[in-house]
Amino acid sequence: MEKALEKQLEETFRIPGVVGVMCVDNNGLCLGAKGNTPRGSSGSISALASQATKLSTNGTNPVICLESEHGSVLIKKNEKLTTAIYKSS
């Protein structure tokens, strides 16, 4: 699984505008990261994705977009994995 995850991180990192990508498990453990990502934020990313799922009216996992003047972060939770993609502005 490690090689497959590393390949996906590399492919995501190649998308124009992406400056970082991080994958975390449901407990907030960082499984892999590439580029400019705050390594200490893995627990917060997992918790935020879990809380957003509770707010969803149709029971799906929403995409969370956090924006600032420096860029944005897209967060999406799946069954076993949460992915955060950091983009520059």
PDB file of N, CA and C in Angstrom:
ATOM      1  N   MET A   1       0.816  -1.193   0.000  1.00  0.00           N
ATOM      2  CA  MET A   1       0.000   0.000   0.000  1.00  0.00           C
ATOM      3  C   MET A   1       0.861   1.259   0.000  1.00  0.00           C
ATOM      4  N   GLU A   2       2.019   1.181   0.616  1.00  0.00           N
ATOM      5  CA  GLU A   2       2.862   2.360   0.718  1.00  0.00           C
ATOM      6  C   GLU A   2       3.282   2.880  -0.649  1.00  0.00           C
ATOM      7  N   LYS A   3       3.645   1.988  -1.568  1.00  0.00           N
ATOM      8  CA  LYS A   3       4.057   2.426  -2.901  1.00  0.00           C
ATOM      9  C   LYS A   3       2.888   3.019  -3.673  1.00  0.00           C
ATOM     10  N   ALA A   4       1.705   2.433  -3.511  1.00  0.00           N
ATOM     11  CA  ALA A   4       0.519   2.957  -4.194  1.00  0.00           C
ATOM     12  C   ALA A   4       0.167   4.344  -3.667  1.00  0.00           C
ATOM     13  N   LEU A   5       0.249   4.523  -2.356  1.00  0.00           N
ATOM     14  CA  LEU A   5      -0.034   5.829  -1.753  1.00  0.00           C
ATOM     15  C   LEU A   5       0.995   6.855  -2.211  1.00  0.00           C
ATOM     16  N   GLU A   6       2.248   6.486  -2.221  1.00  0.00           N
ATOM     17  CA  GLU A   6       3.308   7.395  -2.665  1.00  0.00           C
ATOM     18  C   GLU A   6       3.093   7.809  -4.124  1.00  0.00           C
ATOM     19  N   LYS A   7       2.652   6.877  -4.949  1.00  0.00           N
ATOM     20  CA  LYS A   7       2.386   7.176  -6.365  1.00  0.00           C
ATOM     21  C   LYS A   7       1.239   8.179  -6.486  1.00  0.00           C
ATOM     22  N   GLN A   8       0.167   7.994  -5.702  1.00  0.00           N
ATOM     23  CA  GLN A   8      -0.969   8.905  -5.745  1.00  0.00           C
ATOM     24  C   GLN A   8      -0.582  10.300  -5.246  1.00  0.00           C
ATOM     25  N   LEU A   9       0.236  10.362  -4.193  1.00  0.00           N
ATOM     26  CA  LEU A   9       0.706  11.660  -3.695  1.00  0.00           C
ATOM     27  C   LEU A   9       1.496  12.380  -4.777  1.00  0.00           C
ATOM     28  N   GLU A  10       2.357  11.658  -5.460  1.00  0.00           N
ATOM     29  CA  GLU A  10       3.186  12.236  -6.520  1.00  0.00           C
ATOM     30  C   GLU A  10       2.322  12.751  -7.669  1.00  0.00           C
ATOM     31  N   GLU A  11       1.329  11.959  -8.072  1.00  0.00           N
ATOM     32  CA  GLU A  11       0.457  12.366  -9.175  1.00  0.00           C
ATOM     33  C   GLU A  11      -0.380  13.595  -8.803  1.00  0.00           C
ATOM     34  N   THR A  12      -0.890  13.635  -7.594  1.00  0.00           N
ATOM     35  CA  THR A  12      -1.678  14.783  -7.145  1.00  0.00           C
ATOM     36  C   THR A  12      -0.808  16.030  -7.075  1.00  0.00           C
ATOM     37  N   PHE A  13       0.413  15.869  -6.622  1.00  0.00           N
ATOM     38  CA  PHE A  13       1.331  16.996  -6.482  1.00  0.00           C
ATOM     39  C   PHE A  13       1.667  17.623  -7.837  1.00  0.00           C
ATOM     40  N   ARG A  14       1.515  16.890  -8.912  1.00  0.00           N
ATOM     41  CA  ARG A  14       1.828  17.400 -10.254  1.00  0.00           C
ATOM     42  C   ARG A  14       0.725  18.277 -10.843  1.00  0.00           C
ATOM     43  N   ILE A  15      -0.450  18.302 -10.238  1.00  0.00           N
ATOM     44  CA  ILE A  15      -1.551  19.123 -10.745  1.00  0.00           C
ATOM     45  C   ILE A  15      -1.171  20.598 -10.577  1.00  0.00           C
ATOM     46  N   PRO A  16      -1.375  21.421 -11.614  1.00  0.00           N
ATOM     47  CA  PRO A  16      -1.012  22.841 -11.516  1.00  0.00           C
ATOM     48  C   PRO A  16      -1.683  23.534 -10.330  1.00  0.00           C
ATOM     49  N   GLY A  17      -0.913  24.296  -9.592  1.00  0.00           N
ATOM     50  CA  GLY A  17      -1.407  25.037  -8.445  1.00  0.00           C
ATOM     51  C   GLY A  17      -1.295  24.302  -7.124  1.00  0.00           C
ATOM     52  N   VAL A  18      -1.088  22.984  -7.161  1.00  0.00           N
ATOM     53  CA  VAL A  18      -0.973  22.202  -5.932  1.00  0.00           C
ATOM     54  C   VAL A  18       0.431  22.368  -5.361  1.00  0.00           C
ATOM     55  N   VAL A  19       0.502  22.798  -4.101  1.00  0.00           N
ATOM     56  CA  VAL A  19       1.803  22.979  -3.447  1.00  0.00           C
ATOM     57  C   VAL A  19       2.048  21.936  -2.360  1.00  0.00           C
ATOM     58  N   GLY A  20       1.014  21.151  -2.037  1.00  0.00           N
ATOM     59  CA  GLY A  20       1.178  20.116  -1.027  1.00  0.00           C
ATOM     60  C   GLY A  20      -0.016  19.192  -0.976  1.00  0.00           C
ATOM     61  N   VAL A  21       0.217  17.980  -0.508  1.00  0.00           N
ATOM     62  CA  VAL A  21      -0.856  17.004  -0.345  1.00  0.00           C
ATOM     63  C   VAL A  21      -0.536  16.130   0.864  1.00  0.00           C
ATOM     64  N   MET A  22      -1.576  15.807   1.655  1.00  0.00           N
ATOM     65  CA  MET A  22      -1.394  14.984   2.842  1.00  0.00           C
ATOM     66  C   MET A  22      -2.540  13.988   2.942  1.00  0.00           C
ATOM     67  N   CYS A  23      -2.216  12.757   3.323  1.00  0.00           N
ATOM     68  CA  CYS A  23      -3.222  11.730   3.575  1.00  0.00           C
ATOM     69  C   CYS A  23      -3.107  11.291   5.027  1.00  0.00           C
ATOM     70  N   VAL A  24      -4.254  11.218   5.706  1.00  0.00           N
ATOM     71  CA  VAL A  24      -4.287  10.836   7.114  1.00  0.00           C
ATOM     72  C   VAL A  24      -5.326   9.743   7.313  1.00  0.00           C
ATOM     73  N   ASP A  25      -5.142   8.930   8.347  1.00  0.00           N
ATOM     74  CA  ASP A  25      -6.131   7.901   8.652  1.00  0.00           C
ATOM     75  C   ASP A  25      -7.216   8.478   9.549  1.00  0.00           C
ATOM     76  N   ASN A  26      -8.183   7.647   9.931  1.00  0.00           N
ATOM     77  CA  ASN A  26      -9.318   8.121  10.729  1.00  0.00           C
ATOM     78  C   ASN A  26      -8.930   8.536  12.142  1.00  0.00           C
ATOM     79  N   ASN A  27      -7.735   8.143  12.599  1.00  0.00           N
ATOM     80  CA  ASN A  27      -7.252   8.541  13.919  1.00  0.00           C
ATOM     81  C   ASN A  27      -6.388   9.794  13.876  1.00  0.00           C
ATOM     82  N   GLY A  28      -6.182  10.353  12.689  1.00  0.00           N
ATOM     83  CA  GLY A  28      -5.378  11.560  12.552  1.00  0.00           C
ATOM     84  C   GLY A  28      -3.898  11.311  12.323  1.00  0.00           C
ATOM     85  N   LEU A  29      -3.516  10.057  12.093  1.00  0.00           N
ATOM     86  CA  LEU A  29      -2.114   9.724  11.827  1.00  0.00           C
ATOM     87  C   LEU A  29      -1.779  10.050  10.381  1.00  0.00           C
ATOM     88  N   CYS A  30      -0.719  10.813  10.165  1.00  0.00           N
ATOM     89  CA  CYS A  30      -0.281  11.152   8.813  1.00  0.00           C
ATOM     90  C   CYS A  30       0.322   9.915   8.155  1.00  0.00           C
ATOM     91  N   LEU A  31      -0.311   9.451   7.073  1.00  0.00           N
ATOM     92  CA  LEU A  31       0.173   8.279   6.346  1.00  0.00           C
ATOM     93  C   LEU A  31       1.162   8.660   5.253  1.00  0.00           C
ATOM     94  N   GLY A  32       1.072   9.893   4.787  1.00  0.00           N
ATOM     95  CA  GLY A  32       1.986  10.365   3.758  1.00  0.00           C
ATOM     96  C   GLY A  32       1.736  11.827   3.459  1.00  0.00           C
ATOM     97  N   ALA A  33       2.794  12.535   3.112  1.00  0.00           N
ATOM     98  CA  ALA A  33       2.676  13.956   2.773  1.00  0.00           C
ATOM     99  C   ALA A  33       3.753  14.300   1.768  1.00  0.00           C
ATOM    100  N   LYS A  34       3.446  15.267   0.928  1.00  0.00           N
ATOM    101  CA  LYS A  34       4.409  15.722  -0.064  1.00  0.00           C
ATOM    102  C   LYS A  34       4.227  17.219  -0.242  1.00  0.00           C
ATOM    103  N   GLY A  35       5.339  17.919  -0.357  1.00  0.00           N
ATOM    104  CA  GLY A  35       5.287  19.357  -0.591  1.00  0.00           C
ATOM    105  C   GLY A  35       5.140  20.160   0.681  1.00  0.00           C
ATOM    106  N   ASN A  36       4.555  21.337   0.533  1.00  0.00           N
ATOM    107  CA  ASN A  36       4.426  22.296   1.623  1.00  0.00           C
ATOM    108  C   ASN A  36       3.137  22.031   2.402  1.00  0.00           C
ATOM    109  N   THR A  37       3.233  21.179   3.414  1.00  0.00           N
ATOM    110  CA  THR A  37       2.085  20.858   4.261  1.00  0.00           C
ATOM    111  C   THR A  37       2.493  20.972   5.728  1.00  0.00           C
ATOM    112  N   PRO A  38       1.629  21.535   6.561  1.00  0.00           N
ATOM    113  CA  PRO A  38       1.952  21.587   7.991  1.00  0.00           C
ATOM    114  C   PRO A  38       1.777  20.197   8.614  1.00  0.00           C
ATOM    115  N   ARG A  39       2.866  19.521   8.901  1.00  0.00           N
ATOM    116  CA  ARG A  39       2.846  18.134   9.370  1.00  0.00           C
ATOM    117  C   ARG A  39       2.056  17.947  10.668  1.00  0.00           C
ATOM    118  N   GLY A  40       2.010  18.954  11.514  1.00  0.00           N
ATOM    119  CA  GLY A  40       1.296  18.845  12.770  1.00  0.00           C
ATOM    120  C   GLY A  40      -0.216  18.993  12.645  1.00  0.00           C
ATOM    121  N   SER A  41      -0.721  19.176  11.444  1.00  0.00           N
ATOM    122  CA  SER A  41      -2.150  19.417  11.262  1.00  0.00           C
ATOM    123  C   SER A  41      -2.947  18.164  10.927  1.00  0.00           C
ATOM    124  N   SER A  42      -2.314  17.004  10.909  1.00  0.00           N
ATOM    125  CA  SER A  42      -3.009  15.792  10.482  1.00  0.00           C
ATOM    126  C   SER A  42      -4.213  15.464  11.363  1.00  0.00           C
ATOM    127  N   GLY A  43      -4.095  15.633  12.664  1.00  0.00           N
ATOM    128  CA  GLY A  43      -5.215  15.374  13.562  1.00  0.00           C
ATOM    129  C   GLY A  43      -6.367  16.330  13.332  1.00  0.00           C
ATOM    130  N   SER A  44      -6.052  17.585  13.099  1.00  0.00           N
ATOM    131  CA  SER A  44      -7.088  18.593  12.846  1.00  0.00           C
ATOM    132  C   SER A  44      -7.807  18.331  11.533  1.00  0.00           C
ATOM    133  N   ILE A  45      -7.067  17.894  10.531  1.00  0.00           N
ATOM    134  CA  ILE A  45      -7.668  17.579   9.238  1.00  0.00           C
ATOM    135  C   ILE A  45      -8.667  16.436   9.383  1.00  0.00           C
ATOM    136  N   SER A  46      -8.277  15.392  10.083  1.00  0.00           N
ATOM    137  CA  SER A  46      -9.161  14.251  10.294  1.00  0.00           C
ATOM    138  C   SER A  46     -10.403  14.647  11.092  1.00  0.00           C
ATOM    139  N   ALA A  47     -10.217  15.413  12.150  1.00  0.00           N
ATOM    140  CA  ALA A  47     -11.344  15.835  12.990  1.00  0.00           C
ATOM    141  C   ALA A  47     -12.302  16.741  12.220  1.00  0.00           C
ATOM    142  N   LEU A  48     -11.763  17.662  11.444  1.00  0.00           N
ATOM    143  CA  LEU A  48     -12.599  18.576  10.666  1.00  0.00           C
ATOM    144  C   LEU A  48     -13.439  17.810   9.649  1.00  0.00           C
ATOM    145  N   ALA A  49     -12.829  16.847   8.973  1.00  0.00           N
ATOM    146  CA  ALA A  49     -13.557  16.045   7.990  1.00  0.00           C
ATOM    147  C   ALA A  49     -14.662  15.229   8.655  1.00  0.00           C
ATOM    148  N   SER A  50     -14.389  14.684   9.825  1.00  0.00           N
ATOM    149  CA  SER A  50     -15.396  13.902  10.549  1.00  0.00           C
ATOM    150  C   SER A  50     -16.564  14.771  10.980  1.00  0.00           C
ATOM    151  N   GLN A  51     -16.282  15.970  11.463  1.00  0.00           N
ATOM    152  CA  GLN A  51     -17.341  16.876  11.897  1.00  0.00           C
ATOM    153  C   GLN A  51     -18.177  17.358  10.706  1.00  0.00           C
ATOM    154  N   ALA A  52     -17.550  17.606   9.574  1.00  0.00           N
ATOM    155  CA  ALA A  52     -18.270  18.062   8.382  1.00  0.00           C
ATOM    156  C   ALA A  52     -19.225  16.985   7.886  1.00  0.00           C
ATOM    157  N   THR A  53     -18.850  15.724   8.030  1.00  0.00           N
ATOM    158  CA  THR A  53     -19.728  14.634   7.632  1.00  0.00           C
ATOM    159  C   THR A  53     -21.014  14.648   8.451  1.00  0.00           C
ATOM    160  N   LYS A  54     -20.909  14.998   9.714  1.00  0.00           N
ATOM    161  CA  LYS A  54     -22.090  15.073  10.584  1.00  0.00           C
ATOM    162  C   LYS A  54     -23.036  16.198  10.161  1.00  0.00           C
ATOM    163  N   LEU A  55     -22.512  17.223   9.518  1.00  0.00           N
ATOM    164  CA  LEU A  55     -23.332  18.346   9.070  1.00  0.00           C
ATOM    165  C   LEU A  55     -24.011  18.088   7.730  1.00  0.00           C
ATOM    166  N   SER A  56     -23.536  17.100   7.006  1.00  0.00           N
ATOM    167  CA  SER A  56     -24.084  16.795   5.690  1.00  0.00           C
ATOM    168  C   SER A  56     -25.510  16.285   5.816  1.00  0.00           C
ATOM    169  N   THR A  57     -26.419  16.841   5.021  1.00  0.00           N
ATOM    170  CA  THR A  57     -27.830  16.468   5.114  1.00  0.00           C
ATOM    171  C   THR A  57     -28.148  15.138   4.436  1.00  0.00           C
ATOM    172  N   ASN A  58     -27.331  14.726   3.475  1.00  0.00           N
ATOM    173  CA  ASN A  58     -27.626  13.483   2.758  1.00  0.00           C
ATOM    174  C   ASN A  58     -26.700  12.327   3.150  1.00  0.00           C
ATOM    175  N   GLY A  59     -25.901  12.502   4.185  1.00  0.00           N
ATOM    176  CA  GLY A  59     -25.060  11.421   4.688  1.00  0.00           C
ATOM    177  C   GLY A  59     -23.782  11.174   3.908  1.00  0.00           C
ATOM    178  N   THR A  60     -23.464  12.031   2.959  1.00  0.00           N
ATOM    179  CA  THR A  60     -22.233  11.861   2.195  1.00  0.00           C
ATOM    180  C   THR A  60     -21.099  12.642   2.853  1.00  0.00           C
ATOM    181  N   ASN A  61     -19.888  12.359   2.425  1.00  0.00           N
ATOM    182  CA  ASN A  61     -18.715  13.080   2.915  1.00  0.00           C
ATOM    183  C   ASN A  61     -18.483  14.298   2.028  1.00  0.00           C
ATOM    184  N   PRO A  62     -18.690  15.492   2.548  1.00  0.00           N
ATOM    185  CA  PRO A  62     -18.527  16.697   1.737  1.00  0.00           C
ATOM    186  C   PRO A  62     -17.052  17.042   1.509  1.00  0.00           C
ATOM    187  N   VAL A  63     -16.815  17.856   0.507  1.00  0.00           N
ATOM    188  CA  VAL A  63     -15.496  18.430   0.282  1.00  0.00           C
ATOM    189  C   VAL A  63     -15.460  19.743   1.049  1.00  0.00           C
ATOM    190  N   ILE A  64     -14.443  19.917   1.870  1.00  0.00           N
ATOM    191  CA  ILE A  64     -14.283  21.131   2.662  1.00  0.00           C
ATOM    192  C   ILE A  64     -13.250  22.003   1.967  1.00  0.00           C
ATOM    193  N   CYS A  65     -13.546  23.281   1.815  1.00  0.00           N
ATOM    194  CA  CYS A  65     -12.602  24.214   1.213  1.00  0.00           C
ATOM    195  C   CYS A  65     -12.334  25.345   2.201  1.00  0.00           C
ATOM    196  N   LEU A  66     -11.088  25.439   2.647  1.00  0.00           N
ATOM    197  CA  LEU A  66     -10.655  26.531   3.521  1.00  0.00           C
ATOM    198  C   LEU A  66      -9.822  27.484   2.675  1.00  0.00           C
ATOM    199  N   GLU A  67     -10.185  28.754   2.667  1.00  0.00           N
ATOM    200  CA  GLU A  67      -9.497  29.722   1.828  1.00  0.00           C
ATOM    201  C   GLU A  67      -8.853  30.822   2.667  1.00  0.00           C
ATOM    202  N   SER A  68      -7.705  31.291   2.197  1.00  0.00           N
ATOM    203  CA  SER A  68      -7.042  32.450   2.782  1.00  0.00           C
ATOM    204  C   SER A  68      -6.418  33.248   1.648  1.00  0.00           C
ATOM    205  N   GLU A  69      -5.793  34.364   1.994  1.00  0.00           N
ATOM    206  CA  GLU A  69      -5.148  35.174   0.956  1.00  0.00           C
ATOM    207  C   GLU A  69      -3.936  34.473   0.342  1.00  0.00           C
ATOM    208  N   HIS A  70      -3.426  33.439   0.995  1.00  0.00           N
ATOM    209  CA  HIS A  70      -2.244  32.735   0.500  1.00  0.00           C
ATOM    210  C   HIS A  70      -2.575  31.495  -0.318  1.00  0.00           C
ATOM    211  N   GLY A  71      -3.825  31.029  -0.248  1.00  0.00           N
ATOM    212  CA  GLY A  71      -4.208  29.842  -0.991  1.00  0.00           C
ATOM    213  C   GLY A  71      -5.409  29.162  -0.360  1.00  0.00           C
ATOM    214  N   SER A  72      -5.580  27.893  -0.673  1.00  0.00           N
ATOM    215  CA  SER A  72      -6.717  27.156  -0.150  1.00  0.00           C
ATOM    216  C   SER A  72      -6.320  25.720   0.175  1.00  0.00           C
ATOM    217  N   VAL A  73      -7.167  25.079   0.969  1.00  0.00           N
ATOM    218  CA  VAL A  73      -6.987  23.673   1.328  1.00  0.00           C
ATOM    219  C   VAL A  73      -8.303  22.976   1.044  1.00  0.00           C
ATOM    220  N   LEU A  74      -8.244  21.904   0.270  1.00  0.00           N
ATOM    221  CA  LEU A  74      -9.408  21.078  -0.007  1.00  0.00           C
ATOM    222  C   LEU A  74      -9.267  19.798   0.795  1.00  0.00           C
ATOM    223  N   ILE A  75     -10.299  19.440   1.555  1.00  0.00           N
ATOM    224  CA  ILE A  75     -10.251  18.264   2.413  1.00  0.00           C
ATOM    225  C   ILE A  75     -11.425  17.362   2.075  1.00  0.00           C
ATOM    226  N   LYS A  76     -11.143  16.084   1.876  1.00  0.00           N
ATOM    227  CA  LYS A  76     -12.179  15.108   1.544  1.00  0.00           C
ATOM    228  C   LYS A  76     -11.920  13.824   2.316  1.00  0.00           C
ATOM    229  N   LYS A  77     -12.960  13.325   2.984  1.00  0.00           N
ATOM    230  CA  LYS A  77     -12.868  12.089   3.761  1.00  0.00           C
ATOM    231  C   LYS A  77     -13.504  10.952   2.972  1.00  0.00           C
ATOM    232  N   ASN A  78     -12.833   9.819   2.957  1.00  0.00           N
ATOM    233  CA  ASN A  78     -13.393   8.584   2.438  1.00  0.00           C
ATOM    234  C   ASN A  78     -13.537   7.633   3.609  1.00  0.00           C
ATOM    235  N   GLU A  79     -13.839   6.376   3.361  1.00  0.00           N
ATOM    236  CA  GLU A  79     -14.053   5.424   4.453  1.00  0.00           C
ATOM    237  C   GLU A  79     -12.856   5.319   5.394  1.00  0.00           C
ATOM    238  N   LYS A  80     -11.656   5.141   4.872  1.00  0.00           N
ATOM    239  CA  LYS A  80     -10.484   4.893   5.713  1.00  0.00           C
ATOM    240  C   LYS A  80      -9.422   5.976   5.618  1.00  0.00           C
ATOM    241  N   LEU A  81      -9.630   6.966   4.766  1.00  0.00           N
ATOM    242  CA  LEU A  81      -8.573   7.914   4.459  1.00  0.00           C
ATOM    243  C   LEU A  81      -9.154   9.317   4.264  1.00  0.00           C
ATOM    244  N   THR A  82      -8.451  10.313   4.762  1.00  0.00           N
ATOM    245  CA  THR A  82      -8.799  11.708   4.516  1.00  0.00           C
ATOM    246  C   THR A  82      -7.636  12.356   3.776  1.00  0.00           C
ATOM    247  N   THR A  83      -7.965  13.077   2.714  1.00  0.00           N
ATOM    248  CA  THR A  83      -6.940  13.717   1.899  1.00  0.00           C
ATOM    249  C   THR A  83      -7.097  15.230   1.965  1.00  0.00           C
ATOM    250  N   ALA A  84      -5.979  15.925   2.149  1.00  0.00           N
ATOM    251  CA  ALA A  84      -5.952  17.390   2.131  1.00  0.00           C
ATOM    252  C   ALA A  84      -5.037  17.827   0.990  1.00  0.00           C
ATOM    253  N   ILE A  85      -5.552  18.684   0.130  1.00  0.00           N
ATOM    254  CA  ILE A  85      -4.769  19.204  -0.987  1.00  0.00           C
ATOM    255  C   ILE A  85      -4.594  20.706  -0.779  1.00  0.00           C
ATOM    256  N   TYR A  86      -3.353  21.134  -0.706  1.00  0.00           N
ATOM    257  CA  TYR A  86      -3.004  22.540  -0.496  1.00  0.00           C
ATOM    258  C   TYR A  86      -2.714  23.178  -1.855  1.00  0.00           C
ATOM    259  N   LYS A  87      -3.416  24.291  -2.152  1.00  0.00           N
ATOM    260  CA  LYS A  87      -3.232  24.977  -3.426  1.00  0.00           C
ATOM    261  C   LYS A  87      -2.800  26.423  -3.177  1.00  0.00           C
ATOM    262  N   SER A  88      -1.967  26.925  -4.056  1.00  0.00           N
ATOM    263  CA  SER A  88      -1.547  28.329  -3.964  1.00  0.00           C
ATOM    264  C   SER A  88      -2.590  29.205  -4.620  1.00  0.00           C
ATOM    265  N   SER A  89      -2.591  30.481  -4.244  1.00  0.00           N
ATOM    266  CA  SER A  89      -3.584  31.408  -4.823  1.00  0.00           C
ATOM    267  C   SER A  89      -3.129  31.937  -6.155  1.00  0.00           C
TER     268      SER A  89
END
